[in-house]
Amino acid sequence: MNLLKKIWANIKKNAQSNQLTRRQEVFQELARGPGTARQLSDRMGLRLTIVRTYLSTLHKQGLVRATGDMVGKEQVWRVNE
């Protein structure tokens, strides 16, 4: 099973018991639709610095990528498929 499938399986399992980690929450929100760190922060009600930290982690793991589009000075992010 590839990494993305493992993460989705873990998210689904944890979502059923309401035990998602913040990283999983950020990933799940980004899977609903692309957005900047600020947009994700607003949608989720989390601090911008927290979202940026988790986006960086997810990017290093190869799970999300910048689309190349910009909103103002911010990158738009999306889940790798």
N, C-alpha and C. Protein backbone atom coordinates (compact mmCIF):
# COMPACT_ATOMS: atom_id res chain seq x y z
N MET A 1 0.86 -1.18 0.00
CA MET A 1 0.00 0.00 0.00
C MET A 1 0.90 1.24 0.00
N ASN A 2 0.62 2.18 -0.88
CA ASN A 2 1.49 3.35 -0.91
C ASN A 2 1.20 4.27 0.27
N LEU A 3 2.07 5.23 0.49
CA LEU A 3 2.02 6.10 1.65
C LEU A 3 0.71 6.88 1.72
N LEU A 4 0.26 7.41 0.59
CA LEU A 4 -0.98 8.20 0.58
C LEU A 4 -2.17 7.35 1.00
N LYS A 5 -2.24 6.11 0.53
CA LYS A 5 -3.34 5.23 0.92
C LYS A 5 -3.28 4.90 2.41
N LYS A 6 -2.07 4.72 2.94
CA LYS A 6 -1.91 4.44 4.37
C LYS A 6 -2.40 5.62 5.20
N ILE A 7 -2.04 6.82 4.76
CA ILE A 7 -2.45 8.01 5.50
C ILE A 7 -3.96 8.17 5.47
N TRP A 8 -4.59 7.97 4.29
CA TRP A 8 -6.04 8.07 4.19
C TRP A 8 -6.72 7.03 5.08
N ALA A 9 -6.19 5.82 5.10
CA ALA A 9 -6.77 4.78 5.95
C ALA A 9 -6.68 5.18 7.42
N ASN A 10 -5.55 5.75 7.80
CA ASN A 10 -5.35 6.19 9.18
C ASN A 10 -6.28 7.35 9.52
N ILE A 11 -6.43 8.29 8.58
CA ILE A 11 -7.32 9.42 8.82
C ILE A 11 -8.76 8.94 8.99
N LYS A 12 -9.20 8.05 8.13
CA LYS A 12 -10.57 7.54 8.22
C LYS A 12 -10.80 6.83 9.56
N LYS A 13 -9.82 6.03 9.97
CA LYS A 13 -9.94 5.32 11.24
C LYS A 13 -10.01 6.31 12.40
N ASN A 14 -9.12 7.30 12.40
CA ASN A 14 -9.09 8.27 13.48
C ASN A 14 -10.29 9.21 13.46
N ALA A 15 -10.81 9.51 12.27
CA ALA A 15 -11.97 10.40 12.16
C ALA A 15 -13.20 9.77 12.80
N GLN A 16 -13.30 8.46 12.69
CA GLN A 16 -14.45 7.77 13.27
C GLN A 16 -14.43 7.88 14.79
N SER A 17 -13.25 7.96 15.39
CA SER A 17 -13.15 8.06 16.84
C SER A 17 -12.81 9.49 17.28
N ASN A 18 -12.89 10.46 16.34
CA ASN A 18 -12.60 11.87 16.62
C ASN A 18 -11.23 12.08 17.24
N GLN A 19 -10.22 11.36 16.73
CA GLN A 19 -8.87 11.46 17.27
C GLN A 19 -7.86 11.86 16.21
N LEU A 20 -8.24 12.73 15.29
CA LEU A 20 -7.29 13.17 14.26
C LEU A 20 -6.22 14.05 14.89
N THR A 21 -5.00 13.90 14.41
CA THR A 21 -3.95 14.82 14.82
C THR A 21 -4.12 16.12 14.03
N ARG A 22 -3.49 17.17 14.46
CA ARG A 22 -3.57 18.45 13.74
C ARG A 22 -3.05 18.27 12.31
N ARG A 23 -1.96 17.52 12.16
CA ARG A 23 -1.40 17.28 10.83
C ARG A 23 -2.43 16.60 9.94
N GLN A 24 -3.12 15.61 10.48
CA GLN A 24 -4.15 14.91 9.72
C GLN A 24 -5.31 15.84 9.39
N GLU A 25 -5.67 16.72 10.32
CA GLU A 25 -6.74 17.68 10.07
C GLU A 25 -6.37 18.62 8.93
N VAL A 26 -5.13 19.10 8.93
CA VAL A 26 -4.68 19.99 7.86
C VAL A 26 -4.70 19.25 6.53
N PHE A 27 -4.21 18.01 6.52
CA PHE A 27 -4.21 17.21 5.30
C PHE A 27 -5.63 16.98 4.81
N GLN A 28 -6.53 16.64 5.71
CA GLN A 28 -7.92 16.38 5.34
C GLN A 28 -8.58 17.65 4.78
N GLU A 29 -8.32 18.79 5.39
CA GLU A 29 -8.90 20.04 4.89
C GLU A 29 -8.36 20.37 3.51
N LEU A 30 -7.07 20.15 3.30
CA LEU A 30 -6.47 20.41 2.00
C LEU A 30 -7.02 19.45 0.95
N ALA A 31 -7.37 18.25 1.37
CA ALA A 31 -7.96 17.28 0.44
C ALA A 31 -9.35 17.73 -0.03
N ARG A 32 -10.01 18.56 0.77
CA ARG A 32 -11.33 19.09 0.38
C ARG A 32 -11.20 20.12 -0.73
N GLY A 33 -10.02 20.72 -0.82
CA GLY A 33 -9.80 21.71 -1.87
C GLY A 33 -8.52 22.48 -1.62
N PRO A 34 -7.87 22.89 -2.71
CA PRO A 34 -6.61 23.61 -2.58
C PRO A 34 -6.80 24.93 -1.82
N GLY A 35 -5.71 25.42 -1.27
CA GLY A 35 -5.76 26.71 -0.58
C GLY A 35 -4.40 27.14 -0.10
N THR A 36 -4.32 28.39 0.26
CA THR A 36 -3.09 28.92 0.86
C THR A 36 -3.10 28.57 2.35
N ALA A 37 -1.97 28.76 2.99
CA ALA A 37 -1.90 28.52 4.43
C ALA A 37 -2.91 29.41 5.15
N ARG A 38 -3.05 30.65 4.73
CA ARG A 38 -3.99 31.58 5.36
C ARG A 38 -5.43 31.11 5.14
N GLN A 39 -5.76 30.66 3.94
CA GLN A 39 -7.10 30.17 3.66
C GLN A 39 -7.42 28.94 4.51
N LEU A 40 -6.46 28.03 4.60
CA LEU A 40 -6.66 26.84 5.44
C LEU A 40 -6.84 27.23 6.89
N SER A 41 -6.03 28.16 7.34
CA SER A 41 -6.11 28.66 8.72
C SER A 41 -7.50 29.21 9.00
N ASP A 42 -8.01 30.01 8.08
CA ASP A 42 -9.36 30.59 8.24
C ASP A 42 -10.43 29.51 8.22
N ARG A 43 -10.31 28.57 7.30
CA ARG A 43 -11.32 27.50 7.19
C ARG A 43 -11.35 26.61 8.42
N MET A 44 -10.19 26.41 9.03
CA MET A 44 -10.09 25.47 10.14
C MET A 44 -10.14 26.13 11.51
N GLY A 45 -9.95 27.44 11.55
CA GLY A 45 -9.92 28.13 12.84
C GLY A 45 -8.64 27.87 13.62
N LEU A 46 -7.55 27.59 12.90
CA LEU A 46 -6.25 27.36 13.53
C LEU A 46 -5.35 28.56 13.29
N ARG A 47 -4.34 28.71 14.12
CA ARG A 47 -3.36 29.77 13.93
C ARG A 47 -2.58 29.53 12.65
N LEU A 48 -2.26 30.62 11.97
CA LEU A 48 -1.54 30.55 10.70
C LEU A 48 -0.20 29.84 10.86
N THR A 49 0.52 30.10 11.93
CA THR A 49 1.84 29.47 12.13
C THR A 49 1.72 27.95 12.27
N ILE A 50 0.64 27.49 12.88
CA ILE A 50 0.43 26.05 13.03
C ILE A 50 0.20 25.42 11.66
N VAL A 51 -0.65 26.04 10.86
CA VAL A 51 -0.95 25.50 9.53
C VAL A 51 0.32 25.49 8.68
N ARG A 52 1.09 26.55 8.72
CA ARG A 52 2.34 26.61 7.94
C ARG A 52 3.30 25.51 8.36
N THR A 53 3.39 25.26 9.65
CA THR A 53 4.28 24.20 10.15
C THR A 53 3.86 22.84 9.60
N TYR A 54 2.57 22.56 9.65
CA TYR A 54 2.10 21.26 9.17
C TYR A 54 2.17 21.15 7.65
N LEU A 55 1.94 22.24 6.95
CA LEU A 55 2.11 22.21 5.49
C LEU A 55 3.55 21.88 5.13
N SER A 56 4.49 22.47 5.86
CA SER A 56 5.90 22.20 5.62
C SER A 56 6.22 20.72 5.86
N THR A 57 5.69 20.17 6.93
CA THR A 57 5.90 18.76 7.25
C THR A 57 5.30 17.86 6.17
N LEU A 58 4.07 18.15 5.78
CA LEU A 58 3.41 17.35 4.74
C LEU A 58 4.13 17.46 3.41
N HIS A 59 4.68 18.65 3.12
CA HIS A 59 5.42 18.85 1.88
C HIS A 59 6.72 18.02 1.90
N LYS A 60 7.42 18.03 3.00
CA LYS A 60 8.66 17.25 3.13
C LYS A 60 8.39 15.75 3.00
N GLN A 61 7.19 15.33 3.39
CA GLN A 61 6.82 13.92 3.28
C GLN A 61 6.31 13.58 1.89
N GLY A 62 6.17 14.59 1.03
CA GLY A 62 5.73 14.36 -0.33
C GLY A 62 4.22 14.18 -0.47
N LEU A 63 3.46 14.60 0.53
CA LEU A 63 2.02 14.40 0.51
C LEU A 63 1.26 15.58 -0.07
N VAL A 64 1.85 16.77 -0.02
CA VAL A 64 1.22 17.95 -0.60
C VAL A 64 2.26 18.67 -1.45
N ARG A 65 1.74 19.52 -2.34
CA ARG A 65 2.66 20.29 -3.20
C ARG A 65 2.07 21.66 -3.47
N ALA A 66 2.96 22.59 -3.76
CA ALA A 66 2.53 23.91 -4.19
C ALA A 66 2.08 23.81 -5.64
N THR A 67 0.98 24.45 -5.97
CA THR A 67 0.44 24.35 -7.33
C THR A 67 1.17 25.26 -8.31
N GLY A 68 1.90 26.23 -7.78
CA GLY A 68 2.53 27.24 -8.64
C GLY A 68 1.66 28.48 -8.75
N ASP A 69 0.41 28.38 -8.32
CA ASP A 69 -0.48 29.54 -8.30
C ASP A 69 -0.23 30.34 -7.02
N MET A 70 -0.48 31.62 -7.11
CA MET A 70 -0.28 32.50 -5.97
C MET A 70 -1.57 33.25 -5.68
N VAL A 71 -1.84 33.48 -4.42
CA VAL A 71 -2.90 34.38 -3.98
C VAL A 71 -2.18 35.44 -3.17
N GLY A 72 -2.04 36.62 -3.77
CA GLY A 72 -1.20 37.63 -3.15
C GLY A 72 0.24 37.15 -3.19
N LYS A 73 0.84 37.03 -2.02
CA LYS A 73 2.23 36.55 -1.92
C LYS A 73 2.31 35.11 -1.42
N GLU A 74 1.15 34.44 -1.34
CA GLU A 74 1.12 33.09 -0.77
C GLU A 74 0.92 32.03 -1.83
N GLN A 75 1.61 30.91 -1.64
CA GLN A 75 1.47 29.74 -2.50
C GLN A 75 0.14 29.06 -2.26
N VAL A 76 -0.43 28.51 -3.29
CA VAL A 76 -1.62 27.65 -3.16
C VAL A 76 -1.12 26.21 -3.08
N TRP A 77 -1.65 25.48 -2.11
CA TRP A 77 -1.23 24.10 -1.86
C TRP A 77 -2.35 23.14 -2.23
N ARG A 78 -1.96 21.92 -2.57
CA ARG A 78 -2.94 20.86 -2.86
C ARG A 78 -2.33 19.51 -2.47
N VAL A 79 -3.18 18.52 -2.31
CA VAL A 79 -2.74 17.17 -1.99
C VAL A 79 -2.16 16.52 -3.25
N ASN A 80 -1.04 15.84 -3.10
CA ASN A 80 -0.48 15.06 -4.21
C ASN A 80 -1.40 13.88 -4.49
N GLU A 81 -1.54 13.56 -5.74
CA GLU A 81 -2.39 12.42 -6.10
C GLU A 81 -1.57 11.27 -6.60
